[in-house]
Structure formats: C-alpha cells, structure tokens
Amino acid sequence: MSEPFASPPPPPPPPAPPSSTSASNQAITALVLGILGVICCPLAGPVAWYLGQVEGRVIKEGRAPVAGEGLALAGKILGILGTIFLLLSCLWIFAFGGMMFFQGLGHHW
C-alpha cells in the first residue's frame, strides 16, 4: 500500500515593493529651489535649505520615501550656498551702496 506523494509547501510570496519608489515633492522642490538659489535667485537659498533640512528629518523618521534623501541633501547644500550668496549680496549692496550714498552727500556740502 503506497501512501500518496506529499508535495513540498509552496514558496513564500515575494516581498512587497516599497510603497513609493520616487522622491517626494518636497525633496524635488528643495533641489529646484537650491539650484535657483545658486544660479539666479539667492532669495530661494534659505527656503531650499529649510525644505531640505525638514525633508531629511522626515525621511529619517520613515514618513517619506528614502528615494528622496539624495535630492533633499543636495537641495540643503545648494540652499546653504544660495544663502551665503544672499548674505554676500546684501553685504555688497549695503556696504558699498552705503558708501556711495554717503560719498554723494559729502560732495553736496
């Protein structure tokens, strides 16, 4: 009397893919603003720095996809550079612009 052939158990299902494989909108926004802050609009630098910092924290907490970590970091770094350019621009305008203003006042007396 032969017993029925027992088949092996089925293999476990493959792991579920991550919920989102693309970067978050905030990470992309930080990168775009960081690029703008360095190239043409230094006022975007502090905003990019802030967004990149916040998004990096959210990614570390696991509330945003890890795919945006590089973009957020790049946006943060470019935002820091844009902020430096903004500060240097303000220093240039106020220091040398102020000197020219007072020099112009001196010639009128």
PDB file of N, CA and C in Angstrom:
ATOM      1  N   MET A   1       0.790  -1.123   0.000  1.00  0.00           N
ATOM      2  CA  MET A   1       0.000   0.000   0.000  1.00  0.00           C
ATOM      3  C   MET A   1       0.871   1.238   0.000  1.00  0.00           C
ATOM      4  N   SER A   2       0.675   1.937  -0.947  1.00  0.00           N
ATOM      5  CA  SER A   2       1.504   3.129  -1.087  1.00  0.00           C
ATOM      6  C   SER A   2       0.758   4.353  -0.574  1.00  0.00           C
ATOM      7  N   GLU A   3       1.533   5.203   0.009  1.00  0.00           N
ATOM      8  CA  GLU A   3       0.946   6.448   0.521  1.00  0.00           C
ATOM      9  C   GLU A   3       1.010   7.505  -0.580  1.00  0.00           C
ATOM     10  N   PRO A   4       0.096   8.466  -0.565  1.00  0.00           N
ATOM     11  CA  PRO A   4       0.146   9.497  -1.613  1.00  0.00           C
ATOM     12  C   PRO A   4       1.415  10.340  -1.468  1.00  0.00           C
ATOM     13  N   PHE A   5       1.915  10.774  -2.600  1.00  0.00           N
ATOM     14  CA  PHE A   5       3.123  11.580  -2.639  1.00  0.00           C
ATOM     15  C   PHE A   5       2.829  12.959  -2.065  1.00  0.00           C
ATOM     16  N   ALA A   6       3.602  13.382  -1.065  1.00  0.00           N
ATOM     17  CA  ALA A   6       3.397  14.693  -0.437  1.00  0.00           C
ATOM     18  C   ALA A   6       4.217  15.734  -1.198  1.00  0.00           C
ATOM     19  N   SER A   7       3.561  16.806  -1.606  1.00  0.00           N
ATOM     20  CA  SER A   7       4.279  17.870  -2.332  1.00  0.00           C
ATOM     21  C   SER A   7       4.856  18.861  -1.329  1.00  0.00           C
ATOM     22  N   PRO A   8       5.971  19.475  -1.695  1.00  0.00           N
ATOM     23  CA  PRO A   8       6.565  20.445  -0.768  1.00  0.00           C
ATOM     24  C   PRO A   8       5.665  21.679  -0.661  1.00  0.00           C
ATOM     25  N   PRO A   9       5.785  22.385   0.433  1.00  0.00           N
ATOM     26  CA  PRO A   9       4.948  23.576   0.585  1.00  0.00           C
ATOM     27  C   PRO A   9       5.326  24.628  -0.465  1.00  0.00           C
ATOM     28  N   PRO A  10       4.396  25.470  -0.841  1.00  0.00           N
ATOM     29  CA  PRO A  10       4.704  26.483  -1.857  1.00  0.00           C
ATOM     30  C   PRO A  10       5.701  27.504  -1.302  1.00  0.00           C
ATOM     31  N   PRO A  11       6.485  28.111  -2.186  1.00  0.00           N
ATOM     32  CA  PRO A  11       7.466  29.100  -1.705  1.00  0.00           C
ATOM     33  C   PRO A  11       6.743  30.333  -1.158  1.00  0.00           C
ATOM     34  N   PRO A  12       7.406  31.030  -0.256  1.00  0.00           N
ATOM     35  CA  PRO A  12       6.762  32.228   0.301  1.00  0.00           C
ATOM     36  C   PRO A  12       6.615  33.291  -0.796  1.00  0.00           C
ATOM     37  N   PRO A  13       5.624  34.148  -0.667  1.00  0.00           N
ATOM     38  CA  PRO A  13       5.434  35.187  -1.685  1.00  0.00           C
ATOM     39  C   PRO A  13       6.602  36.173  -1.659  1.00  0.00           C
ATOM     40  N   PRO A  14       6.880  36.794  -2.787  1.00  0.00           N
ATOM     41  CA  PRO A  14       7.982  37.767  -2.804  1.00  0.00           C
ATOM     42  C   PRO A  14       7.649  38.965  -1.918  1.00  0.00           C
ATOM     43  N   PRO A  15       8.682  39.620  -1.399  1.00  0.00           N
ATOM     44  CA  PRO A  15       8.414  40.769  -0.535  1.00  0.00           C
ATOM     45  C   PRO A  15       7.698  41.862  -1.318  1.00  0.00           C
ATOM     46  N   ALA A  16       6.869  42.581  -0.623  1.00  0.00           N
ATOM     47  CA  ALA A  16       6.108  43.661  -1.258  1.00  0.00           C
ATOM     48  C   ALA A  16       7.053  44.785  -1.652  1.00  0.00           C
ATOM     49  N   PRO A  17       6.843  45.378  -2.808  1.00  0.00           N
ATOM     50  CA  PRO A  17       7.694  46.502  -3.197  1.00  0.00           C
ATOM     51  C   PRO A  17       7.441  47.695  -2.279  1.00  0.00           C
ATOM     52  N   PRO A  18       8.410  48.575  -2.169  1.00  0.00           N
ATOM     53  CA  PRO A  18       8.195  49.757  -1.339  1.00  0.00           C
ATOM     54  C   PRO A  18       6.976  50.526  -1.826  1.00  0.00           C
ATOM     55  N   SER A  19       6.330  51.216  -0.905  1.00  0.00           N
ATOM     56  CA  SER A  19       5.098  51.918  -1.242  1.00  0.00           C
ATOM     57  C   SER A  19       5.324  52.992  -2.298  1.00  0.00           C
ATOM     58  N   SER A  20       6.465  53.637  -2.269  1.00  0.00           N
ATOM     59  CA  SER A  20       6.742  54.662  -3.257  1.00  0.00           C
ATOM     60  C   SER A  20       8.229  54.632  -3.584  1.00  0.00           C
ATOM     61  N   THR A  21       8.541  54.477  -4.848  1.00  0.00           N
ATOM     62  CA  THR A  21       9.937  54.418  -5.231  1.00  0.00           C
ATOM     63  C   THR A  21      10.445  55.753  -5.753  1.00  0.00           C
ATOM     64  N   SER A  22       9.579  56.733  -5.832  1.00  0.00           N
ATOM     65  CA  SER A  22      10.027  58.039  -6.303  1.00  0.00           C
ATOM     66  C   SER A  22      10.185  58.990  -5.124  1.00  0.00           C
ATOM     67  N   ALA A  23      10.917  60.038  -5.370  1.00  0.00           N
ATOM     68  CA  ALA A  23      11.181  61.020  -4.326  1.00  0.00           C
ATOM     69  C   ALA A  23       9.922  61.838  -4.055  1.00  0.00           C
ATOM     70  N   SER A  24       9.854  62.386  -2.871  1.00  0.00           N
ATOM     71  CA  SER A  24       8.706  63.213  -2.521  1.00  0.00           C
ATOM     72  C   SER A  24       8.795  64.565  -3.222  1.00  0.00           C
ATOM     73  N   ASN A  25       7.667  65.229  -3.304  1.00  0.00           N
ATOM     74  CA  ASN A  25       7.614  66.545  -3.944  1.00  0.00           C
ATOM     75  C   ASN A  25       8.453  67.563  -3.190  1.00  0.00           C
ATOM     76  N   GLN A  26       8.507  67.439  -1.876  1.00  0.00           N
ATOM     77  CA  GLN A  26       9.265  68.405  -1.082  1.00  0.00           C
ATOM     78  C   GLN A  26      10.770  68.275  -1.337  1.00  0.00           C
ATOM     79  N   ALA A  27      11.256  67.059  -1.536  1.00  0.00           N
ATOM     80  CA  ALA A  27      12.677  66.865  -1.843  1.00  0.00           C
ATOM     81  C   ALA A  27      13.010  67.459  -3.209  1.00  0.00           C
ATOM     82  N   ILE A  28      12.131  67.252  -4.170  1.00  0.00           N
ATOM     83  CA  ILE A  28      12.346  67.808  -5.511  1.00  0.00           C
ATOM     84  C   ILE A  28      12.292  69.332  -5.464  1.00  0.00           C
ATOM     85  N   THR A  29      11.351  69.874  -4.698  1.00  0.00           N
ATOM     86  CA  THR A  29      11.232  71.326  -4.563  1.00  0.00           C
ATOM     87  C   THR A  29      12.484  71.909  -3.922  1.00  0.00           C
ATOM     88  N   ALA A  30      13.011  71.241  -2.906  1.00  0.00           N
ATOM     89  CA  ALA A  30      14.240  71.718  -2.261  1.00  0.00           C
ATOM     90  C   ALA A  30      15.387  71.760  -3.257  1.00  0.00           C
ATOM     91  N   LEU A  31      15.503  70.739  -4.090  1.00  0.00           N
ATOM     92  CA  LEU A  31      16.573  70.706  -5.081  1.00  0.00           C
ATOM     93  C   LEU A  31      16.414  71.823  -6.110  1.00  0.00           C
ATOM     94  N   VAL A  32      15.204  72.001  -6.628  1.00  0.00           N
ATOM     95  CA  VAL A  32      14.969  73.039  -7.639  1.00  0.00           C
ATOM     96  C   VAL A  32      15.240  74.425  -7.053  1.00  0.00           C
ATOM     97  N   LEU A  33      14.748  74.677  -5.854  1.00  0.00           N
ATOM     98  CA  LEU A  33      14.994  75.974  -5.228  1.00  0.00           C
ATOM     99  C   LEU A  33      16.475  76.174  -4.911  1.00  0.00           C
ATOM    100  N   GLY A  34      17.156  75.105  -4.550  1.00  0.00           N
ATOM    101  CA  GLY A  34      18.588  75.200  -4.298  1.00  0.00           C
ATOM    102  C   GLY A  34      19.354  75.569  -5.552  1.00  0.00           C
ATOM    103  N   ILE A  35      18.975  74.969  -6.675  1.00  0.00           N
ATOM    104  CA  ILE A  35      19.626  75.304  -7.946  1.00  0.00           C
ATOM    105  C   ILE A  35      19.348  76.760  -8.304  1.00  0.00           C
ATOM    106  N   LEU A  36      18.104  77.185  -8.162  1.00  0.00           N
ATOM    107  CA  LEU A  36      17.763  78.579  -8.441  1.00  0.00           C
ATOM    108  C   LEU A  36      18.497  79.534  -7.510  1.00  0.00           C
ATOM    109  N   GLY A  37      18.653  79.135  -6.254  1.00  0.00           N
ATOM    110  CA  GLY A  37      19.343  79.978  -5.285  1.00  0.00           C
ATOM    111  C   GLY A  37      20.805  80.190  -5.621  1.00  0.00           C
ATOM    112  N   VAL A  38      21.425  79.209  -6.237  1.00  0.00           N
ATOM    113  CA  VAL A  38      22.836  79.335  -6.593  1.00  0.00           C
ATOM    114  C   VAL A  38      22.997  80.054  -7.936  1.00  0.00           C
ATOM    115  N   ILE A  39      22.099  79.779  -8.874  1.00  0.00           N
ATOM    116  CA  ILE A  39      22.271  80.307 -10.224  1.00  0.00           C
ATOM    117  C   ILE A  39      21.774  81.749 -10.362  1.00  0.00           C
ATOM    118  N   CYS A  40      20.525  82.015  -9.952  1.00  0.00           N
ATOM    119  CA  CYS A  40      19.973  83.320 -10.308  1.00  0.00           C
ATOM    120  C   CYS A  40      19.182  84.018  -9.211  1.00  0.00           C
ATOM    121  N   CYS A  41      18.716  83.334  -8.221  1.00  0.00           N
ATOM    122  CA  CYS A  41      17.817  83.950  -7.246  1.00  0.00           C
ATOM    123  C   CYS A  41      18.237  83.563  -5.822  1.00  0.00           C
ATOM    124  N   PRO A  42      19.160  84.304  -5.232  1.00  0.00           N
ATOM    125  CA  PRO A  42      19.637  83.938  -3.905  1.00  0.00           C
ATOM    126  C   PRO A  42      18.546  83.920  -2.834  1.00  0.00           C
ATOM    127  N   LEU A  43      17.425  84.593  -3.081  1.00  0.00           N
ATOM    128  CA  LEU A  43      16.332  84.564  -2.104  1.00  0.00           C
ATOM    129  C   LEU A  43      15.745  83.164  -1.935  1.00  0.00           C
ATOM    130  N   ALA A  44      15.915  82.303  -2.928  1.00  0.00           N
ATOM    131  CA  ALA A  44      15.417  80.931  -2.834  1.00  0.00           C
ATOM    132  C   ALA A  44      16.331  80.053  -1.983  1.00  0.00           C
ATOM    133  N   GLY A  45      17.543  80.507  -1.706  1.00  0.00           N
ATOM    134  CA  GLY A  45      18.505  79.709  -0.942  1.00  0.00           C
ATOM    135  C   GLY A  45      18.041  79.321   0.449  1.00  0.00           C
ATOM    136  N   PRO A  46      17.616  80.287   1.288  1.00  0.00           N
ATOM    137  CA  PRO A  46      17.166  79.904   2.635  1.00  0.00           C
ATOM    138  C   PRO A  46      15.952  78.973   2.624  1.00  0.00           C
ATOM    139  N   VAL A  47      15.060  79.147   1.637  1.00  0.00           N
ATOM    140  CA  VAL A  47      13.885  78.276   1.549  1.00  0.00           C
ATOM    141  C   VAL A  47      14.316  76.858   1.198  1.00  0.00           C
ATOM    142  N   ALA A  48      15.249  76.729   0.257  1.00  0.00           N
ATOM    143  CA  ALA A  48      15.750  75.402  -0.117  1.00  0.00           C
ATOM    144  C   ALA A  48      16.458  74.744   1.056  1.00  0.00           C
ATOM    145  N   TRP A  49      17.224  75.519   1.804  1.00  0.00           N
ATOM    146  CA  TRP A  49      17.923  74.996   2.979  1.00  0.00           C
ATOM    147  C   TRP A  49      16.918  74.439   3.977  1.00  0.00           C
ATOM    148  N   TYR A  50      15.883  75.209   4.248  1.00  0.00           N
ATOM    149  CA  TYR A  50      14.861  74.791   5.210  1.00  0.00           C
ATOM    150  C   TYR A  50      14.132  73.537   4.726  1.00  0.00           C
ATOM    151  N   LEU A  51      13.679  73.552   3.466  1.00  0.00           N
ATOM    152  CA  LEU A  51      12.949  72.388   2.948  1.00  0.00           C
ATOM    153  C   LEU A  51      13.821  71.131   2.933  1.00  0.00           C
ATOM    154  N   GLY A  52      15.074  71.281   2.548  1.00  0.00           N
ATOM    155  CA  GLY A  52      15.979  70.130   2.549  1.00  0.00           C
ATOM    156  C   GLY A  52      16.214  69.587   3.948  1.00  0.00           C
ATOM    157  N   GLN A  53      16.335  70.486   4.922  1.00  0.00           N
ATOM    158  CA  GLN A  53      16.521  70.065   6.319  1.00  0.00           C
ATOM    159  C   GLN A  53      15.295  69.317   6.828  1.00  0.00           C
ATOM    160  N   VAL A  54      14.113  69.877   6.580  1.00  0.00           N
ATOM    161  CA  VAL A  54      12.872  69.253   7.058  1.00  0.00           C
ATOM    162  C   VAL A  54      12.653  67.902   6.371  1.00  0.00           C
ATOM    163  N   GLU A  55      12.867  67.861   5.064  1.00  0.00           N
ATOM    164  CA  GLU A  55      12.647  66.607   4.342  1.00  0.00           C
ATOM    165  C   GLU A  55      13.639  65.533   4.777  1.00  0.00           C
ATOM    166  N   GLY A  56      14.876  65.907   5.038  1.00  0.00           N
ATOM    167  CA  GLY A  56      15.847  64.937   5.548  1.00  0.00           C
ATOM    168  C   GLY A  56      15.417  64.343   6.875  1.00  0.00           C
ATOM    169  N   ARG A  57      14.873  65.180   7.739  1.00  0.00           N
ATOM    170  CA  ARG A  57      14.384  64.708   9.036  1.00  0.00           C
ATOM    171  C   ARG A  57      13.188  63.769   8.856  1.00  0.00           C
ATOM    172  N   VAL A  58      12.278  64.127   7.943  1.00  0.00           N
ATOM    173  CA  VAL A  58      11.095  63.300   7.698  1.00  0.00           C
ATOM    174  C   VAL A  58      11.496  61.944   7.120  1.00  0.00           C
ATOM    175  N   ILE A  59      12.495  61.931   6.258  1.00  0.00           N
ATOM    176  CA  ILE A  59      12.963  60.664   5.681  1.00  0.00           C
ATOM    177  C   ILE A  59      13.589  59.791   6.761  1.00  0.00           C
ATOM    178  N   LYS A  60      14.374  60.384   7.643  1.00  0.00           N
ATOM    179  CA  LYS A  60      14.996  59.601   8.728  1.00  0.00           C
ATOM    180  C   LYS A  60      13.940  59.019   9.673  1.00  0.00           C
ATOM    181  N   GLU A  61      12.829  59.731   9.835  1.00  0.00           N
ATOM    182  CA  GLU A  61      11.747  59.225  10.680  1.00  0.00           C
ATOM    183  C   GLU A  61      10.914  58.169   9.965  1.00  0.00           C
ATOM    184  N   GLY A  62      11.108  57.993   8.661  1.00  0.00           N
ATOM    185  CA  GLY A  62      10.388  56.978   7.914  1.00  0.00           C
ATOM    186  C   GLY A  62       9.043  57.437   7.392  1.00  0.00           C
ATOM    187  N   ARG A  63       8.786  58.723   7.395  1.00  0.00           N
ATOM    188  CA  ARG A  63       7.492  59.227   6.922  1.00  0.00           C
ATOM    189  C   ARG A  63       7.533  59.664   5.468  1.00  0.00           C
ATOM    190  N   ALA A  64       8.666  59.549   4.814  1.00  0.00           N
ATOM    191  CA  ALA A  64       8.804  59.907   3.402  1.00  0.00           C
ATOM    192  C   ALA A  64       9.691  58.869   2.740  1.00  0.00           C
ATOM    193  N   PRO A  65       9.574  58.689   1.424  1.00  0.00           N
ATOM    194  CA  PRO A  65      10.387  57.684   0.739  1.00  0.00           C
ATOM    195  C   PRO A  65      11.877  57.997   0.796  1.00  0.00           C
ATOM    196  N   VAL A  66      12.657  56.950   0.954  1.00  0.00           N
ATOM    197  CA  VAL A  66      14.103  57.088   1.060  1.00  0.00           C
ATOM    198  C   VAL A  66      14.702  57.540  -0.272  1.00  0.00           C
ATOM    199  N   ALA A  67      13.974  57.360  -1.357  1.00  0.00           N
ATOM    200  CA  ALA A  67      14.476  57.745  -2.677  1.00  0.00           C
ATOM    201  C   ALA A  67      14.766  59.239  -2.762  1.00  0.00           C
ATOM    202  N   GLY A  68      14.150  60.047  -1.919  1.00  0.00           N
ATOM    203  CA  GLY A  68      14.360  61.491  -1.965  1.00  0.00           C
ATOM    204  C   GLY A  68      15.477  61.987  -1.079  1.00  0.00           C
ATOM    205  N   GLU A  69      16.182  61.089  -0.413  1.00  0.00           N
ATOM    206  CA  GLU A  69      17.210  61.512   0.535  1.00  0.00           C
ATOM    207  C   GLU A  69      18.344  62.279  -0.152  1.00  0.00           C
ATOM    208  N   GLY A  70      18.799  61.798  -1.286  1.00  0.00           N
ATOM    209  CA  GLY A  70      19.872  62.472  -2.013  1.00  0.00           C
ATOM    210  C   GLY A  70      19.434  63.832  -2.535  1.00  0.00           C
ATOM    211  N   LEU A  71      18.202  63.893  -3.035  1.00  0.00           N
ATOM    212  CA  LEU A  71      17.681  65.163  -3.539  1.00  0.00           C
ATOM    213  C   LEU A  71      17.545  66.180  -2.413  1.00  0.00           C
ATOM    214  N   ALA A  72      17.052  65.721  -1.265  1.00  0.00           N
ATOM    215  CA  ALA A  72      16.899  66.628  -0.124  1.00  0.00           C
ATOM    216  C   ALA A  72      18.255  67.132   0.362  1.00  0.00           C
ATOM    217  N   LEU A  73      19.234  66.243   0.396  1.00  0.00           N
ATOM    218  CA  LEU A  73      20.574  66.652   0.830  1.00  0.00           C
ATOM    219  C   LEU A  73      21.190  67.642  -0.162  1.00  0.00           C
ATOM    220  N   ALA A  74      21.034  67.371  -1.457  1.00  0.00           N
ATOM    221  CA  ALA A  74      21.554  68.293  -2.467  1.00  0.00           C
ATOM    222  C   ALA A  74      20.855  69.640  -2.384  1.00  0.00           C
ATOM    223  N   GLY A  75      19.532  69.630  -2.166  1.00  0.00           N
ATOM    224  CA  GLY A  75      18.800  70.879  -2.012  1.00  0.00           C
ATOM    225  C   GLY A  75      19.249  71.655  -0.787  1.00  0.00           C
ATOM    226  N   LYS A  76      19.533  70.934   0.289  1.00  0.00           N
ATOM    227  CA  LYS A  76      20.004  71.581   1.516  1.00  0.00           C
ATOM    228  C   LYS A  76      21.378  72.227   1.297  1.00  0.00           C
ATOM    229  N   ILE A  77      22.286  71.507   0.660  1.00  0.00           N
ATOM    230  CA  ILE A  77      23.633  72.030   0.426  1.00  0.00           C
ATOM    231  C   ILE A  77      23.584  73.222  -0.525  1.00  0.00           C
ATOM    232  N   LEU A  78      22.825  73.095  -1.611  1.00  0.00           N
ATOM    233  CA  LEU A  78      22.695  74.224  -2.532  1.00  0.00           C
ATOM    234  C   LEU A  78      21.992  75.405  -1.861  1.00  0.00           C
ATOM    235  N   GLY A  79      21.059  75.109  -0.951  1.00  0.00           N
ATOM    236  CA  GLY A  79      20.398  76.175  -0.206  1.00  0.00           C
ATOM    237  C   GLY A  79      21.368  76.912   0.704  1.00  0.00           C
ATOM    238  N   ILE A  80      22.287  76.187   1.299  1.00  0.00           N
ATOM    239  CA  ILE A  80      23.314  76.831   2.136  1.00  0.00           C
ATOM    240  C   ILE A  80      24.181  77.737   1.270  1.00  0.00           C
ATOM    241  N   LEU A  81      24.585  77.241   0.087  1.00  0.00           N
ATOM    242  CA  LEU A  81      25.390  78.067  -0.814  1.00  0.00           C
ATOM    243  C   LEU A  81      24.611  79.291  -1.282  1.00  0.00           C
ATOM    244  N   GLY A  82      23.331  79.110  -1.610  1.00  0.00           N
ATOM    245  CA  GLY A  82      22.495  80.237  -2.020  1.00  0.00           C
ATOM    246  C   GLY A  82      22.339  81.254  -0.909  1.00  0.00           C
ATOM    247  N   THR A  83      22.235  80.787   0.335  1.00  0.00           N
ATOM    248  CA  THR A  83      22.125  81.692   1.481  1.00  0.00           C
ATOM    249  C   THR A  83      23.419  82.484   1.657  1.00  0.00           C
ATOM    250  N   ILE A  84      24.551  81.831   1.458  1.00  0.00           N
ATOM    251  CA  ILE A  84      25.838  82.540   1.536  1.00  0.00           C
ATOM    252  C   ILE A  84      25.903  83.616   0.459  1.00  0.00           C
ATOM    253  N   PHE A  85      25.473  83.272  -0.762  1.00  0.00           N
ATOM    254  CA  PHE A  85      25.453  84.273  -1.837  1.00  0.00           C
ATOM    255  C   PHE A  85      24.517  85.427  -1.492  1.00  0.00           C
ATOM    256  N   LEU A  86      23.386  85.112  -0.877  1.00  0.00           N
ATOM    257  CA  LEU A  86      22.439  86.161  -0.480  1.00  0.00           C
ATOM    258  C   LEU A  86      23.072  87.094   0.552  1.00  0.00           C
ATOM    259  N   LEU A  87      23.736  86.531   1.539  1.00  0.00           N
ATOM    260  CA  LEU A  87      24.376  87.355   2.563  1.00  0.00           C
ATOM    261  C   LEU A  87      25.489  88.211   1.970  1.00  0.00           C
ATOM    262  N   LEU A  88      26.279  87.627   1.081  1.00  0.00           N
ATOM    263  CA  LEU A  88      27.335  88.404   0.436  1.00  0.00           C
ATOM    264  C   LEU A  88      26.758  89.508  -0.447  1.00  0.00           C
ATOM    265  N   SER A  89      25.645  89.220  -1.124  1.00  0.00           N
ATOM    266  CA  SER A  89      24.993  90.240  -1.949  1.00  0.00           C
ATOM    267  C   SER A  89      24.478  91.386  -1.085  1.00  0.00           C
ATOM    268  N   CYS A  90      23.856  91.050   0.029  1.00  0.00           N
ATOM    269  CA  CYS A  90      23.349  92.092   0.934  1.00  0.00           C
ATOM    270  C   CYS A  90      24.505  92.911   1.494  1.00  0.00           C
ATOM    271  N   LEU A  91      25.579  92.256   1.854  1.00  0.00           N
ATOM    272  CA  LEU A  91      26.752  92.965   2.359  1.00  0.00           C
ATOM    273  C   LEU A  91      27.301  93.905   1.285  1.00  0.00           C
ATOM    274  N   TRP A  92      27.380  93.426   0.069  1.00  0.00           N
ATOM    275  CA  TRP A  92      27.869  94.250  -1.038  1.00  0.00           C
ATOM    276  C   TRP A  92      26.972  95.470  -1.245  1.00  0.00           C
ATOM    277  N   ILE A  93      25.663  95.245  -1.266  1.00  0.00           N
ATOM    278  CA  ILE A  93      24.722  96.347  -1.508  1.00  0.00           C
ATOM    279  C   ILE A  93      24.770  97.361  -0.376  1.00  0.00           C
ATOM    280  N   PHE A  94      24.698  96.887   0.854  1.00  0.00           N
ATOM    281  CA  PHE A  94      24.640  97.819   1.976  1.00  0.00           C
ATOM    282  C   PHE A  94      25.981  98.478   2.259  1.00  0.00           C
ATOM    283  N   ALA A  95      27.054  97.742   2.140  1.00  0.00           N
ATOM    284  CA  ALA A  95      28.360  98.328   2.445  1.00  0.00           C
ATOM    285  C   ALA A  95      28.771  99.322   1.364  1.00  0.00           C
ATOM    286  N   PHE A  96      28.818  98.847   0.125  1.00  0.00           N
ATOM    287  CA  PHE A  96      29.298  99.724  -0.939  1.00  0.00           C
ATOM    288  C   PHE A  96      28.224 100.696  -1.401  1.00  0.00           C
ATOM    289  N   GLY A  97      26.983 100.283  -1.362  1.00  0.00           N
ATOM    290  CA  GLY A  97      25.901 101.209  -1.685  1.00  0.00           C
ATOM    291  C   GLY A  97      25.813 102.313  -0.651  1.00  0.00           C
ATOM    292  N   GLY A  98      26.001 101.964   0.609  1.00  0.00           N
ATOM    293  CA  GLY A  98      26.004 102.968   1.674  1.00  0.00           C
ATOM    294  C   GLY A  98      27.177 103.912   1.557  1.00  0.00           C
ATOM    295  N   MET A  99      28.323 103.368   1.157  1.00  0.00           N
ATOM    296  CA  MET A  99      29.496 104.224   0.981  1.00  0.00           C
ATOM    297  C   MET A  99      29.254 105.233  -0.134  1.00  0.00           C
ATOM    298  N   MET A 100      28.657 104.766  -1.226  1.00  0.00           N
ATOM    299  CA  MET A 100      28.394 105.677  -2.336  1.00  0.00           C
ATOM    300  C   MET A 100      27.364 106.733  -1.934  1.00  0.00           C
ATOM    301  N   PHE A 101      26.390 106.364  -1.114  1.00  0.00           N
ATOM    302  CA  PHE A 101      25.386 107.321  -0.657  1.00  0.00           C
ATOM    303  C   PHE A 101      26.034 108.410   0.189  1.00  0.00           C
ATOM    304  N   PHE A 102      26.844 107.990   1.139  1.00  0.00           N
ATOM    305  CA  PHE A 102      27.490 108.985   1.998  1.00  0.00           C
ATOM    306  C   PHE A 102      28.533 109.798   1.237  1.00  0.00           C
ATOM    307  N   GLN A 103      29.158 109.205   0.259  1.00  0.00           N
ATOM    308  CA  GLN A 103      30.110 109.938  -0.563  1.00  0.00           C
ATOM    309  C   GLN A 103      29.371 111.001  -1.377  1.00  0.00           C
ATOM    310  N   GLY A 104      28.193 110.646  -1.859  1.00  0.00           N
ATOM    311  CA  GLY A 104      27.377 111.622  -2.605  1.00  0.00           C
ATOM    312  C   GLY A 104      26.919 112.748  -1.709  1.00  0.00           C
ATOM    313  N   LEU A 105      26.603 112.450  -0.439  1.00  0.00           N
ATOM    314  CA  LEU A 105      26.206 113.501   0.500  1.00  0.00           C
ATOM    315  C   LEU A 105      27.383 114.430   0.802  1.00  0.00           C
ATOM    316  N   GLY A 106      28.580 113.886   0.849  1.00  0.00           N
ATOM    317  CA  GLY A 106      29.758 114.689   1.153  1.00  0.00           C
ATOM    318  C   GLY A 106      30.076 115.689   0.066  1.00  0.00           C
ATOM    319  N   HIS A 107      29.732 115.367  -1.158  1.00  0.00           N
ATOM    320  CA  HIS A 107      30.038 116.290  -2.252  1.00  0.00           C
ATOM    321  C   HIS A 107      29.056 117.448  -2.318  1.00  0.00           C
ATOM    322  N   HIS A 108      27.899 117.305  -1.681  1.00  0.00           N
ATOM    323  CA  HIS A 108      26.902 118.372  -1.718  1.00  0.00           C
ATOM    324  C   HIS A 108      27.140 119.420  -0.656  1.00  0.00           C
ATOM    325  N   TRP A 109      27.974 119.183   0.301  1.00  0.00           N
ATOM    326  CA  TRP A 109      28.173 120.152   1.385  1.00  0.00           C
ATOM    327  C   TRP A 109      29.186 121.122   1.002  1.00  0.00           C
TER     328      TRP A 109
END
